[in-house]
Amino acid sequence: MKNDGLNLEKDKRPITSFLLIGQSNMAGRGEFADVEPIQNENCYMLRMGRWQKMAEPINPDRDIFRIRYHSGVGLSASFADEYAKATGERVGLIPCADGGTSITQWQPGEVLFDHAVMMTRLAMRTSTFGGILWHQGETDCRTEEGFLPYRERFLTMITALRRELNAERLPLLVGELSEHICNPKWQMEDRVERFNRMLHGLARELPMCGVVSSEGLTLKPDGLHFNSVSLRKFGVRYFQTLCDLQNKS
């Protein structure tokens, strides 16, 4: 039978891997037909503990064939593509994002935290860990009760995660929320603007942390998720932010 996994015995070039965590806009809800697929022989994703050639959906946390809220195009594909093209190196993605999750579900000892640690450690057996991509917060901006403790909960989570992965000085890329969220179920008032300001404050406080701008990006008709074209742009911005952090270090 054909083995579609990466043959690590034949190809000895190193892989730099990145952990994808957060909720649906990190997992990706973009429509497949709206953009061309990214095909780069140096881009991989972790599947069943092995590196497979990258193909979307990279982070299938939901049904792929639903009309609404389905797994789809995400920002990580264009991030990986830019990384591979700029460096000439191989890059691997570790998909662990889960739609609709709150920051409390990412705390140390919770299932999502433990899963991310487990998968990253597995990836590190065949790669060099390069950093963390995070996009999350829409759920917590629904109420003041969710928003107010977010800063401390985020610090607790990321400090523990970096410690578990021995990644205290590795890049942490944090994406802004869209300031145009208009899903009628979520009355966010001014919390998204306040949330994004908080992210920039956290980036000044944490080592090797950069905030990725969502300015000018477009949402799908659901008023909550970035569309495919914007997710491609967002991924490029994540890579540019990574470069900025590395140039400053």
C-alpha atoms as a PDB file:
ATOM      1  CA  MET A   1       0.000   0.000   0.000  1.00  0.00           C
ATOM      2  CA  LYS A   2       1.117   3.556  -0.689  1.00  0.00           C
ATOM      3  CA  ASN A   3       2.384   5.434   2.350  1.00  0.00           C
ATOM      4  CA  ASP A   4       1.212   9.041   2.101  1.00  0.00           C
ATOM      5  CA  GLY A   5       3.054  10.064   5.254  1.00  0.00           C
ATOM      6  CA  LEU A   6       6.347  11.904   5.137  1.00  0.00           C
ATOM      7  CA  ASN A   7       9.207   9.417   4.888  1.00  0.00           C
ATOM      8  CA  LEU A   8      11.556  10.763   7.525  1.00  0.00           C
ATOM      9  CA  GLU A   9      14.123   8.087   6.748  1.00  0.00           C
ATOM     10  CA  LYS A  10      14.650   9.399   3.208  1.00  0.00           C
ATOM     11  CA  ASP A  11      14.227  13.122   3.806  1.00  0.00           C
ATOM     12  CA  LYS A  12      16.542  14.372   6.543  1.00  0.00           C
ATOM     13  CA  ARG A  13      15.857  18.087   6.168  1.00  0.00           C
ATOM     14  CA  PRO A  14      14.688  19.585   9.465  1.00  0.00           C
ATOM     15  CA  ILE A  15      11.108  20.698  10.084  1.00  0.00           C
ATOM     16  CA  THR A  16      10.185  23.742  12.142  1.00  0.00           C
ATOM     17  CA  SER A  17       6.768  23.254  13.723  1.00  0.00           C
ATOM     18  CA  PHE A  18       4.151  25.692  15.025  1.00  0.00           C
ATOM     19  CA  LEU A  19       1.252  25.062  17.379  1.00  0.00           C
ATOM     20  CA  LEU A  20      -2.195  26.326  16.304  1.00  0.00           C
ATOM     21  CA  ILE A  21      -4.508  27.055  19.251  1.00  0.00           C
ATOM     22  CA  GLY A  22      -7.612  29.124  19.944  1.00  0.00           C
ATOM     23  CA  GLN A  23     -11.130  28.946  18.603  1.00  0.00           C
ATOM     24  CA  SER A  24     -12.886  28.919  15.234  1.00  0.00           C
ATOM     25  CA  ASN A  25     -11.055  31.738  13.474  1.00  0.00           C
ATOM     26  CA  MET A  26      -7.788  29.887  14.111  1.00  0.00           C
ATOM     27  CA  ALA A  27      -9.284  26.545  13.113  1.00  0.00           C
ATOM     28  CA  GLY A  28     -10.660  28.158   9.943  1.00  0.00           C
ATOM     29  CA  ARG A  29     -14.200  28.550   8.641  1.00  0.00           C
ATOM     30  CA  GLY A  30     -13.368  29.875   5.149  1.00  0.00           C
ATOM     31  CA  GLU A  31     -15.108  28.575   2.019  1.00  0.00           C
ATOM     32  CA  PHE A  32     -12.894  26.310  -0.097  1.00  0.00           C
ATOM     33  CA  ALA A  33     -14.157  27.653  -3.423  1.00  0.00           C
ATOM     34  CA  ASP A  34     -13.241  31.259  -2.618  1.00  0.00           C
ATOM     35  CA  VAL A  35      -9.455  30.835  -2.870  1.00  0.00           C
ATOM     36  CA  GLU A  36      -6.968  28.688  -4.734  1.00  0.00           C
ATOM     37  CA  PRO A  37      -5.557  25.813  -2.683  1.00  0.00           C
ATOM     38  CA  ILE A  38      -2.021  26.294  -1.399  1.00  0.00           C
ATOM     39  CA  GLN A  39       0.313  23.578  -2.601  1.00  0.00           C
ATOM     40  CA  ASN A  40       3.824  23.805  -1.235  1.00  0.00           C
ATOM     41  CA  GLU A  41       5.966  20.699  -0.961  1.00  0.00           C
ATOM     42  CA  ASN A  42       7.713  22.144   2.085  1.00  0.00           C
ATOM     43  CA  CYS A  43       4.500  22.574   4.132  1.00  0.00           C
ATOM     44  CA  TYR A  44       3.178  19.811   6.374  1.00  0.00           C
ATOM     45  CA  MET A  45       0.551  19.159   9.017  1.00  0.00           C
ATOM     46  CA  LEU A  46       0.474  16.673  11.862  1.00  0.00           C
ATOM     47  CA  ARG A  47      -1.925  13.770  11.295  1.00  0.00           C
ATOM     48  CA  MET A  48      -1.961  10.607  13.393  1.00  0.00           C
ATOM     49  CA  GLY A  49       1.416  11.544  14.803  1.00  0.00           C
ATOM     50  CA  ARG A  50       3.044  11.809  11.364  1.00  0.00           C
ATOM     51  CA  TRP A  51       3.849  14.699   9.069  1.00  0.00           C
ATOM     52  CA  GLN A  52       1.502  14.726   6.083  1.00  0.00           C
ATOM     53  CA  LYS A  53       1.553  17.103   3.133  1.00  0.00           C
ATOM     54  CA  MET A  54      -0.448  20.208   4.048  1.00  0.00           C
ATOM     55  CA  ALA A  55      -4.040  20.260   2.768  1.00  0.00           C
ATOM     56  CA  GLU A  56      -7.071  22.160   4.016  1.00  0.00           C
ATOM     57  CA  PRO A  57      -8.892  21.824   6.291  1.00  0.00           C
ATOM     58  CA  ILE A  58      -5.757  21.701   8.403  1.00  0.00           C
ATOM     59  CA  ASN A  59      -7.673  21.931  11.682  1.00  0.00           C
ATOM     60  CA  PRO A  60     -10.904  19.919  11.179  1.00  0.00           C
ATOM     61  CA  ASP A  61     -12.620  20.588  14.491  1.00  0.00           C
ATOM     62  CA  ARG A  62     -16.122  20.519  12.959  1.00  0.00           C
ATOM     63  CA  ASP A  63     -18.051  18.847  10.147  1.00  0.00           C
ATOM     64  CA  ILE A  64     -16.577  19.768   6.761  1.00  0.00           C
ATOM     65  CA  PHE A  65     -19.834  19.594   4.800  1.00  0.00           C
ATOM     66  CA  ARG A  66     -22.149  21.812   6.842  1.00  0.00           C
ATOM     67  CA  ILE A  67     -23.371  24.989   5.205  1.00  0.00           C
ATOM     68  CA  ARG A  68     -22.642  27.089   8.307  1.00  0.00           C
ATOM     69  CA  TYR A  69     -19.851  26.854  10.864  1.00  0.00           C
ATOM     70  CA  HIS A  70     -17.905  24.160   9.040  1.00  0.00           C
ATOM     71  CA  SER A  71     -14.209  23.368   9.063  1.00  0.00           C
ATOM     72  CA  GLY A  72     -12.587  25.074   6.113  1.00  0.00           C
ATOM     73  CA  VAL A  73      -9.873  27.433   4.947  1.00  0.00           C
ATOM     74  CA  GLY A  74      -7.763  28.868   7.750  1.00  0.00           C
ATOM     75  CA  LEU A  75      -4.975  31.364   8.260  1.00  0.00           C
ATOM     76  CA  SER A  76      -2.302  28.753   8.995  1.00  0.00           C
ATOM     77  CA  ALA A  77      -1.907  27.596   5.375  1.00  0.00           C
ATOM     78  CA  SER A  78      -0.735  30.979   4.101  1.00  0.00           C
ATOM     79  CA  PHE A  79       1.422  31.404   7.216  1.00  0.00           C
ATOM     80  CA  ALA A  80       3.195  28.125   6.470  1.00  0.00           C
ATOM     81  CA  ASP A  81       3.460  28.919   2.762  1.00  0.00           C
ATOM     82  CA  GLU A  82       5.084  32.287   3.467  1.00  0.00           C
ATOM     83  CA  TYR A  83       7.448  30.732   5.984  1.00  0.00           C
ATOM     84  CA  ALA A  84       8.549  28.011   3.578  1.00  0.00           C
ATOM     85  CA  LYS A  85       8.998  30.405   0.652  1.00  0.00           C
ATOM     86  CA  ALA A  86      10.958  32.937   2.690  1.00  0.00           C
ATOM     87  CA  THR A  87      13.266  30.470   4.428  1.00  0.00           C
ATOM     88  CA  GLY A  88      13.456  27.597   1.947  1.00  0.00           C
ATOM     89  CA  GLU A  89      12.875  25.318   4.921  1.00  0.00           C
ATOM     90  CA  ARG A  90      10.170  22.821   5.784  1.00  0.00           C
ATOM     91  CA  VAL A  91       7.420  23.882   8.163  1.00  0.00           C
ATOM     92  CA  GLY A  92       4.909  21.767  10.073  1.00  0.00           C
ATOM     93  CA  LEU A  93       1.573  22.782  11.589  1.00  0.00           C
ATOM     94  CA  ILE A  94       0.205  21.267  14.796  1.00  0.00           C
ATOM     95  CA  PRO A  95      -3.598  21.814  14.681  1.00  0.00           C
ATOM     96  CA  CYS A  96      -5.209  22.019  18.130  1.00  0.00           C
ATOM     97  CA  ALA A  97      -7.762  24.868  17.843  1.00  0.00           C
ATOM     98  CA  ASP A  98     -11.393  24.235  18.785  1.00  0.00           C
ATOM     99  CA  GLY A  99     -14.301  26.460  17.774  1.00  0.00           C
ATOM    100  CA  GLY A 100     -16.475  28.176  20.362  1.00  0.00           C
ATOM    101  CA  THR A 101     -14.069  27.646  23.235  1.00  0.00           C
ATOM    102  CA  SER A 102     -13.455  30.111  26.059  1.00  0.00           C
ATOM    103  CA  ILE A 103     -10.189  30.986  27.779  1.00  0.00           C
ATOM    104  CA  THR A 104     -11.276  28.940  30.803  1.00  0.00           C
ATOM    105  CA  GLN A 105     -11.227  25.823  28.616  1.00  0.00           C
ATOM    106  CA  TRP A 106      -7.572  26.508  27.775  1.00  0.00           C
ATOM    107  CA  GLN A 107      -6.353  26.653  31.360  1.00  0.00           C
ATOM    108  CA  PRO A 108      -3.665  24.259  32.644  1.00  0.00           C
ATOM    109  CA  GLY A 109      -5.179  20.893  33.491  1.00  0.00           C
ATOM    110  CA  GLU A 110      -8.089  21.318  31.089  1.00  0.00           C
ATOM    111  CA  VAL A 111      -8.463  18.919  28.159  1.00  0.00           C
ATOM    112  CA  LEU A 112      -7.608  21.445  25.431  1.00  0.00           C
ATOM    113  CA  PHE A 113      -4.433  22.555  27.223  1.00  0.00           C
ATOM    114  CA  ASP A 114      -3.313  18.985  27.814  1.00  0.00           C
ATOM    115  CA  HIS A 115      -4.114  18.011  24.222  1.00  0.00           C
ATOM    116  CA  ALA A 116      -2.027  20.895  22.858  1.00  0.00           C
ATOM    117  CA  VAL A 117       0.918  19.934  25.070  1.00  0.00           C
ATOM    118  CA  MET A 118       0.632  16.267  24.096  1.00  0.00           C
ATOM    119  CA  MET A 119       0.440  16.954  20.362  1.00  0.00           C
ATOM    120  CA  THR A 120       3.315  19.441  20.446  1.00  0.00           C
ATOM    121  CA  ARG A 121       5.546  17.043  22.348  1.00  0.00           C
ATOM    122  CA  LEU A 122       4.699  14.381  19.786  1.00  0.00           C
ATOM    123  CA  ALA A 123       5.593  16.777  16.968  1.00  0.00           C
ATOM    124  CA  MET A 124       8.869  17.663  18.677  1.00  0.00           C
ATOM    125  CA  ARG A 125      10.031  14.069  18.242  1.00  0.00           C
ATOM    126  CA  THR A 126      10.429  14.797  14.517  1.00  0.00           C
ATOM    127  CA  SER A 127      10.690  18.607  14.399  1.00  0.00           C
ATOM    128  CA  THR A 128      12.095  21.680  16.088  1.00  0.00           C
ATOM    129  CA  PHE A 129       9.381  23.643  17.820  1.00  0.00           C
ATOM    130  CA  GLY A 130       9.213  27.181  16.458  1.00  0.00           C
ATOM    131  CA  GLY A 131       6.388  28.927  18.307  1.00  0.00           C
ATOM    132  CA  ILE A 132       2.690  29.375  18.990  1.00  0.00           C
ATOM    133  CA  LEU A 133      -0.113  30.887  16.883  1.00  0.00           C
ATOM    134  CA  TRP A 134      -3.137  31.957  18.935  1.00  0.00           C
ATOM    135  CA  HIS A 135      -6.487  33.438  17.945  1.00  0.00           C
ATOM    136  CA  GLN A 136      -9.296  33.349  20.475  1.00  0.00           C
ATOM    137  CA  GLY A 137     -11.541  35.667  22.452  1.00  0.00           C
ATOM    138  CA  GLU A 138     -14.859  36.049  20.681  1.00  0.00           C
ATOM    139  CA  THR A 139     -16.545  33.772  23.192  1.00  0.00           C
ATOM    140  CA  ASP A 140     -15.167  35.707  26.173  1.00  0.00           C
ATOM    141  CA  CYS A 141     -16.188  39.078  24.732  1.00  0.00           C
ATOM    142  CA  ARG A 142     -19.852  38.141  24.875  1.00  0.00           C
ATOM    143  CA  THR A 143     -20.110  39.334  28.491  1.00  0.00           C
ATOM    144  CA  GLU A 144     -18.272  41.547  30.960  1.00  0.00           C
ATOM    145  CA  GLU A 145     -17.942  38.503  33.199  1.00  0.00           C
ATOM    146  CA  GLY A 146     -16.000  36.733  30.459  1.00  0.00           C
ATOM    147  CA  PHE A 147     -13.934  39.726  29.420  1.00  0.00           C
ATOM    148  CA  LEU A 148     -12.762  41.148  32.761  1.00  0.00           C
ATOM    149  CA  PRO A 149     -10.740  38.136  33.983  1.00  0.00           C
ATOM    150  CA  TYR A 150      -9.363  37.360  30.506  1.00  0.00           C
ATOM    151  CA  ARG A 151      -5.980  39.025  30.957  1.00  0.00           C
ATOM    152  CA  GLU A 152      -5.047  37.036  34.052  1.00  0.00           C
ATOM    153  CA  ARG A 153      -6.413  33.809  32.599  1.00  0.00           C
ATOM    154  CA  PHE A 154      -4.426  34.304  29.414  1.00  0.00           C
ATOM    155  CA  LEU A 155      -1.226  34.959  31.362  1.00  0.00           C
ATOM    156  CA  THR A 156      -1.804  31.840  33.438  1.00  0.00           C
ATOM    157  CA  MET A 157      -2.418  29.755  30.344  1.00  0.00           C
ATOM    158  CA  ILE A 158       0.469  30.978  28.208  1.00  0.00           C
ATOM    159  CA  THR A 159       2.997  30.956  31.050  1.00  0.00           C
ATOM    160  CA  ALA A 160       2.136  27.341  31.847  1.00  0.00           C
ATOM    161  CA  LEU A 161       2.101  26.337  28.170  1.00  0.00           C
ATOM    162  CA  ARG A 162       5.489  27.857  27.478  1.00  0.00           C
ATOM    163  CA  ARG A 163       6.907  26.191  30.580  1.00  0.00           C
ATOM    164  CA  GLU A 164       5.502  22.777  29.597  1.00  0.00           C
ATOM    165  CA  LEU A 165       6.979  23.087  26.111  1.00  0.00           C
ATOM    166  CA  ASN A 166      10.259  24.713  27.192  1.00  0.00           C
ATOM    167  CA  ALA A 167       9.282  27.635  24.967  1.00  0.00           C
ATOM    168  CA  GLU A 168       9.638  30.651  27.254  1.00  0.00           C
ATOM    169  CA  ARG A 169      11.630  32.545  24.609  1.00  0.00           C
ATOM    170  CA  LEU A 170       9.926  31.232  21.479  1.00  0.00           C
ATOM    171  CA  PRO A 171       7.571  33.440  19.434  1.00  0.00           C
ATOM    172  CA  LEU A 172       3.951  33.847  20.490  1.00  0.00           C
ATOM    173  CA  LEU A 173       1.742  35.322  17.741  1.00  0.00           C
ATOM    174  CA  VAL A 174      -1.644  36.620  18.907  1.00  0.00           C
ATOM    175  CA  GLY A 175      -4.283  37.769  16.421  1.00  0.00           C
ATOM    176  CA  GLU A 176      -6.655  40.669  16.976  1.00  0.00           C
ATOM    177  CA  LEU A 177     -10.379  40.060  16.872  1.00  0.00           C
ATOM    178  CA  SER A 178     -12.379  41.695  14.103  1.00  0.00           C
ATOM    179  CA  GLU A 179     -13.922  44.967  15.233  1.00  0.00           C
ATOM    180  CA  HIS A 180     -16.777  44.364  12.777  1.00  0.00           C
ATOM    181  CA  ILE A 181     -18.376  41.348  14.450  1.00  0.00           C
ATOM    182  CA  CYS A 182     -22.126  41.719  13.968  1.00  0.00           C
ATOM    183  CA  ASN A 183     -23.521  38.305  14.779  1.00  0.00           C
ATOM    184  CA  PRO A 184     -26.887  39.210  16.375  1.00  0.00           C
ATOM    185  CA  LYS A 185     -26.500  36.458  18.970  1.00  0.00           C
ATOM    186  CA  TRP A 186     -23.441  38.201  20.431  1.00  0.00           C
ATOM    187  CA  GLN A 187     -23.915  41.693  21.798  1.00  0.00           C
ATOM    188  CA  MET A 188     -20.280  42.630  22.316  1.00  0.00           C
ATOM    189  CA  GLU A 189     -20.722  46.401  22.761  1.00  0.00           C
ATOM    190  CA  ASP A 190     -17.198  47.908  23.041  1.00  0.00           C
ATOM    191  CA  ARG A 191     -15.517  44.791  24.354  1.00  0.00           C
ATOM    192  CA  VAL A 192     -13.753  43.835  21.103  1.00  0.00           C
ATOM    193  CA  GLU A 193     -11.986  47.212  20.958  1.00  0.00           C
ATOM    194  CA  ARG A 194     -11.010  46.885  24.613  1.00  0.00           C
ATOM    195  CA  PHE A 195      -9.917  43.297  24.027  1.00  0.00           C
ATOM    196  CA  ASN A 196      -7.586  44.259  21.187  1.00  0.00           C
ATOM    197  CA  ARG A 197      -6.039  47.051  23.276  1.00  0.00           C
ATOM    198  CA  MET A 198      -5.476  44.500  26.026  1.00  0.00           C
ATOM    199  CA  LEU A 199      -3.647  42.216  23.578  1.00  0.00           C
ATOM    200  CA  HIS A 200      -1.180  44.975  22.761  1.00  0.00           C
ATOM    201  CA  GLY A 201      -0.603  45.506  26.466  1.00  0.00           C
ATOM    202  CA  LEU A 202       0.073  41.808  26.924  1.00  0.00           C
ATOM    203  CA  ALA A 203       2.544  41.851  24.023  1.00  0.00           C
ATOM    204  CA  ARG A 204       4.534  44.592  25.763  1.00  0.00           C
ATOM    205  CA  GLU A 205       4.592  42.513  28.929  1.00  0.00           C
ATOM    206  CA  LEU A 206       5.400  39.070  27.534  1.00  0.00           C
ATOM    207  CA  PRO A 207       8.721  38.095  25.939  1.00  0.00           C
ATOM    208  CA  MET A 208       8.707  37.420  22.198  1.00  0.00           C
ATOM    209  CA  CYS A 209       5.009  38.186  21.810  1.00  0.00           C
ATOM    210  CA  GLY A 210       3.559  39.974  18.790  1.00  0.00           C
ATOM    211  CA  VAL A 211       0.009  41.086  17.973  1.00  0.00           C
ATOM    212  CA  VAL A 212      -1.271  40.495  14.438  1.00  0.00           C
ATOM    213  CA  SER A 213      -3.541  43.215  13.074  1.00  0.00           C
ATOM    214  CA  SER A 214      -7.024  42.359  11.800  1.00  0.00           C
ATOM    215  CA  GLU A 215      -7.529  45.822  10.300  1.00  0.00           C
ATOM    216  CA  GLY A 216      -9.314  45.774   6.956  1.00  0.00           C
ATOM    217  CA  LEU A 217     -10.107  42.082   7.031  1.00  0.00           C
ATOM    218  CA  THR A 218     -13.586  40.994   5.951  1.00  0.00           C
ATOM    219  CA  LEU A 219     -16.020  38.672   7.696  1.00  0.00           C
ATOM    220  CA  LYS A 220     -18.311  36.091   6.143  1.00  0.00           C
ATOM    221  CA  PRO A 221     -22.050  36.845   6.014  1.00  0.00           C
ATOM    222  CA  ASP A 222     -22.356  35.162   9.417  1.00  0.00           C
ATOM    223  CA  GLY A 223     -20.793  38.308  10.875  1.00  0.00           C
ATOM    224  CA  LEU A 224     -18.343  36.332  12.988  1.00  0.00           C
ATOM    225  CA  HIS A 225     -15.794  34.420  10.924  1.00  0.00           C
ATOM    226  CA  PHE A 226     -13.176  35.814   8.568  1.00  0.00           C
ATOM    227  CA  ASN A 227     -13.711  34.892   4.937  1.00  0.00           C
ATOM    228  CA  SER A 228     -11.184  32.879   2.955  1.00  0.00           C
ATOM    229  CA  VAL A 229      -9.505  35.816   1.213  1.00  0.00           C
ATOM    230  CA  SER A 230      -9.032  37.606   4.520  1.00  0.00           C
ATOM    231  CA  LEU A 231      -7.739  34.450   6.196  1.00  0.00           C
ATOM    232  CA  ARG A 232      -5.065  34.190   3.512  1.00  0.00           C
ATOM    233  CA  LYS A 233      -4.080  37.800   4.279  1.00  0.00           C
ATOM    234  CA  PHE A 234      -4.213  37.159   8.013  1.00  0.00           C
ATOM    235  CA  GLY A 235      -1.807  34.227   7.708  1.00  0.00           C
ATOM    236  CA  VAL A 236       0.668  36.405   5.801  1.00  0.00           C
ATOM    237  CA  ARG A 237       0.403  38.978   8.585  1.00  0.00           C
ATOM    238  CA  TYR A 238       1.126  36.292  11.177  1.00  0.00           C
ATOM    239  CA  PHE A 239       4.314  35.456   9.287  1.00  0.00           C
ATOM    240  CA  GLN A 240       5.284  39.124   8.993  1.00  0.00           C
ATOM    241  CA  THR A 241       4.774  39.520  12.739  1.00  0.00           C
ATOM    242  CA  LEU A 242       6.998  36.491  13.316  1.00  0.00           C
ATOM    243  CA  CYS A 243       9.710  38.112  11.214  1.00  0.00           C
ATOM    244  CA  ASP A 244       9.393  41.376  13.158  1.00  0.00           C
ATOM    245  CA  LEU A 245       9.833  39.517  16.463  1.00  0.00           C
ATOM    246  CA  GLN A 246      12.849  37.605  15.209  1.00  0.00           C
ATOM    247  CA  ASN A 247      14.467  40.759  13.843  1.00  0.00           C
ATOM    248  CA  LYS A 248      14.101  42.482  17.213  1.00  0.00           C
ATOM    249  CA  SER A 249      15.497  39.610  19.251  1.00  0.00           C
END
